[in-house]
Structure formats: structure tokens, C-alpha cells
Amino acid sequence: MKQVSISLNPEIARAYQQATDEERQKVNYIVNSWLKNIFYRKKDSKQKLFETMDQIGRIAEANGLTPEILNEILNQIEHEKH
């Protein structure tokens, strides 16, 4: 793999920096899949977006992310904003 830099909002950057190596690997896989679908799409962008979202959802679920855990994460992020 080749490393590149992208800009993230400070909260997301902090969460990524504090993540475990395993969590970072999962995020890297999801981001790579998402970017691949964006840059190499052959279908219309809306259809590809929904396919990518479905793929990310399947990956997240396979790795133990439940709607409850996702809500906890989102609530924590929202709480940290205030």
C-alpha cells in the first residue's frame, strides 16, 4: 500500500489516532473500498453510492458493529462537540 494524507475534522482525526491497530486496519479497508468505488465507478454515482454504503454496512456488521454500538459512538461524538 502507498500512504497519502487527507484532511479530517479534528474529532474524527482524534478518534482515528486513539483507535487500536485492529480498528485502524478495519477503517483503512473500508476507506480503501469506498475510494475505489468512487474513483473507478462504471455506474451512475447515486447507484454506486448506495452499493458502497451497503458494502460498508456488511463489513461493519461482520466486524461486530451493531446499530446500538454505532448510536453510542455517534452520541459520544455529539457529546464531545458540546
C-alpha atoms as a PDB file:
ATOM      1  CA  MET A   1       0.000   0.000   0.000  1.00  0.00           C
ATOM      2  CA  LYS A   2       1.004   3.585  -0.552  1.00  0.00           C
ATOM      3  CA  GLN A   3       0.366   6.170   2.137  1.00  0.00           C
ATOM      4  CA  VAL A   4      -1.276   9.525   1.353  1.00  0.00           C
ATOM      5  CA  SER A   5      -2.685  12.295   3.529  1.00  0.00           C
ATOM      6  CA  ILE A   6      -6.267  13.513   3.670  1.00  0.00           C
ATOM      7  CA  SER A   7      -7.834  16.221   5.811  1.00  0.00           C
ATOM      8  CA  LEU A   8     -10.231  15.140   8.558  1.00  0.00           C
ATOM      9  CA  ASN A   9     -12.234  17.126  11.022  1.00  0.00           C
ATOM     10  CA  PRO A  10     -10.427  17.258  14.396  1.00  0.00           C
ATOM     11  CA  GLU A  11     -12.841  14.911  16.182  1.00  0.00           C
ATOM     12  CA  ILE A  12     -12.526  12.182  13.568  1.00  0.00           C
ATOM     13  CA  ALA A  13      -8.744  12.599  13.424  1.00  0.00           C
ATOM     14  CA  ARG A  14      -8.533  12.246  17.219  1.00  0.00           C
ATOM     15  CA  ALA A  15     -10.765   9.149  17.204  1.00  0.00           C
ATOM     16  CA  TYR A  16      -8.598   7.564  14.498  1.00  0.00           C
ATOM     17  CA  GLN A  17      -5.393   8.379  16.358  1.00  0.00           C
ATOM     18  CA  GLN A  18      -6.784   6.826  19.544  1.00  0.00           C
ATOM     19  CA  ALA A  19      -8.024   3.680  17.763  1.00  0.00           C
ATOM     20  CA  THR A  20      -6.329   0.327  18.161  1.00  0.00           C
ATOM     21  CA  ASP A  21      -4.273  -1.117  15.309  1.00  0.00           C
ATOM     22  CA  GLU A  22      -7.110  -3.547  14.546  1.00  0.00           C
ATOM     23  CA  GLU A  23      -9.667  -0.713  14.409  1.00  0.00           C
ATOM     24  CA  ARG A  24      -7.385   1.289  12.116  1.00  0.00           C
ATOM     25  CA  GLN A  25      -6.984  -1.702   9.790  1.00  0.00           C
ATOM     26  CA  LYS A  26     -10.769  -2.011   9.551  1.00  0.00           C
ATOM     27  CA  VAL A  27     -11.135   1.708   8.839  1.00  0.00           C
ATOM     28  CA  ASN A  28      -8.380   1.545   6.216  1.00  0.00           C
ATOM     29  CA  TYR A  29     -10.124  -1.349   4.485  1.00  0.00           C
ATOM     30  CA  ILE A  30     -13.480   0.445   4.458  1.00  0.00           C
ATOM     31  CA  VAL A  31     -11.975   3.731   3.226  1.00  0.00           C
ATOM     32  CA  ASN A  32      -9.997   1.942   0.506  1.00  0.00           C
ATOM     33  CA  SER A  33     -13.143   0.152  -0.678  1.00  0.00           C
ATOM     34  CA  TRP A  34     -15.137   3.373  -0.647  1.00  0.00           C
ATOM     35  CA  LEU A  35     -12.491   5.342  -2.560  1.00  0.00           C
ATOM     36  CA  LYS A  36     -12.030   2.542  -5.071  1.00  0.00           C
ATOM     37  CA  ASN A  37     -15.735   2.610  -5.788  1.00  0.00           C
ATOM     38  CA  ILE A  38     -15.689   6.389  -6.191  1.00  0.00           C
ATOM     39  CA  PHE A  39     -12.655   6.598  -8.452  1.00  0.00           C
ATOM     40  CA  TYR A  40     -13.348   3.536 -10.574  1.00  0.00           C
ATOM     41  CA  ARG A  41     -17.122   3.668 -10.819  1.00  0.00           C
ATOM     42  CA  LYS A  42     -18.729   2.499 -14.007  1.00  0.00           C
ATOM     43  CA  LYS A  43     -22.299   3.021 -12.836  1.00  0.00           C
ATOM     44  CA  ASP A  44     -24.045   6.261 -12.085  1.00  0.00           C
ATOM     45  CA  SER A  45     -22.822   7.900  -8.916  1.00  0.00           C
ATOM     46  CA  LYS A  46     -26.054   7.545  -6.939  1.00  0.00           C
ATOM     47  CA  GLN A  47     -26.278   3.802  -7.579  1.00  0.00           C
ATOM     48  CA  LYS A  48     -22.595   3.367  -6.736  1.00  0.00           C
ATOM     49  CA  LEU A  49     -23.006   5.355  -3.507  1.00  0.00           C
ATOM     50  CA  PHE A  50     -25.807   3.065  -2.342  1.00  0.00           C
ATOM     51  CA  GLU A  51     -23.783  -0.023  -3.274  1.00  0.00           C
ATOM     52  CA  THR A  52     -20.795   1.329  -1.362  1.00  0.00           C
ATOM     53  CA  MET A  53     -22.943   2.128   1.667  1.00  0.00           C
ATOM     54  CA  ASP A  54     -24.369  -1.411   1.588  1.00  0.00           C
ATOM     55  CA  GLN A  55     -20.863  -2.870   1.340  1.00  0.00           C
ATOM     56  CA  ILE A  56     -19.627  -0.762   4.258  1.00  0.00           C
ATOM     57  CA  GLY A  57     -22.651  -1.834   6.296  1.00  0.00           C
ATOM     58  CA  ARG A  58     -21.966  -5.520   5.616  1.00  0.00           C
ATOM     59  CA  ILE A  59     -18.305  -5.116   6.561  1.00  0.00           C
ATOM     60  CA  ALA A  60     -19.167  -3.219   9.735  1.00  0.00           C
ATOM     61  CA  GLU A  61     -21.741  -5.809  10.747  1.00  0.00           C
ATOM     62  CA  ALA A  62     -19.328  -8.667  10.039  1.00  0.00           C
ATOM     63  CA  ASN A  63     -16.822  -6.952  12.325  1.00  0.00           C
ATOM     64  CA  GLY A  64     -19.291  -6.628  15.187  1.00  0.00           C
ATOM     65  CA  LEU A  65     -20.659  -3.118  14.702  1.00  0.00           C
ATOM     66  CA  THR A  66     -24.302  -3.127  15.738  1.00  0.00           C
ATOM     67  CA  PRO A  67     -26.796  -0.260  15.433  1.00  0.00           C
ATOM     68  CA  GLU A  68     -26.563   0.136  19.209  1.00  0.00           C
ATOM     69  CA  ILE A  69     -22.764   0.484  19.155  1.00  0.00           C
ATOM     70  CA  LEU A  70     -22.978   2.939  16.267  1.00  0.00           C
ATOM     71  CA  ASN A  71     -25.507   5.036  18.200  1.00  0.00           C
ATOM     72  CA  GLU A  72     -23.197   5.039  21.220  1.00  0.00           C
ATOM     73  CA  ILE A  73     -20.302   6.250  19.063  1.00  0.00           C
ATOM     74  CA  LEU A  74     -22.414   8.960  17.437  1.00  0.00           C
ATOM     75  CA  ASN A  75     -23.786  10.083  20.818  1.00  0.00           C
ATOM     76  CA  GLN A  76     -20.245  10.254  22.205  1.00  0.00           C
ATOM     77  CA  ILE A  77     -19.097  12.377  19.254  1.00  0.00           C
ATOM     78  CA  GLU A  78     -22.123  14.646  19.637  1.00  0.00           C
ATOM     79  CA  HIS A  79     -21.481  14.938  23.389  1.00  0.00           C
ATOM     80  CA  GLU A  80     -17.829  15.872  22.766  1.00  0.00           C
ATOM     81  CA  LYS A  81     -18.926  18.694  20.447  1.00  0.00           C
ATOM     82  CA  HIS A  82     -20.706  20.444  23.298  1.00  0.00           C
END
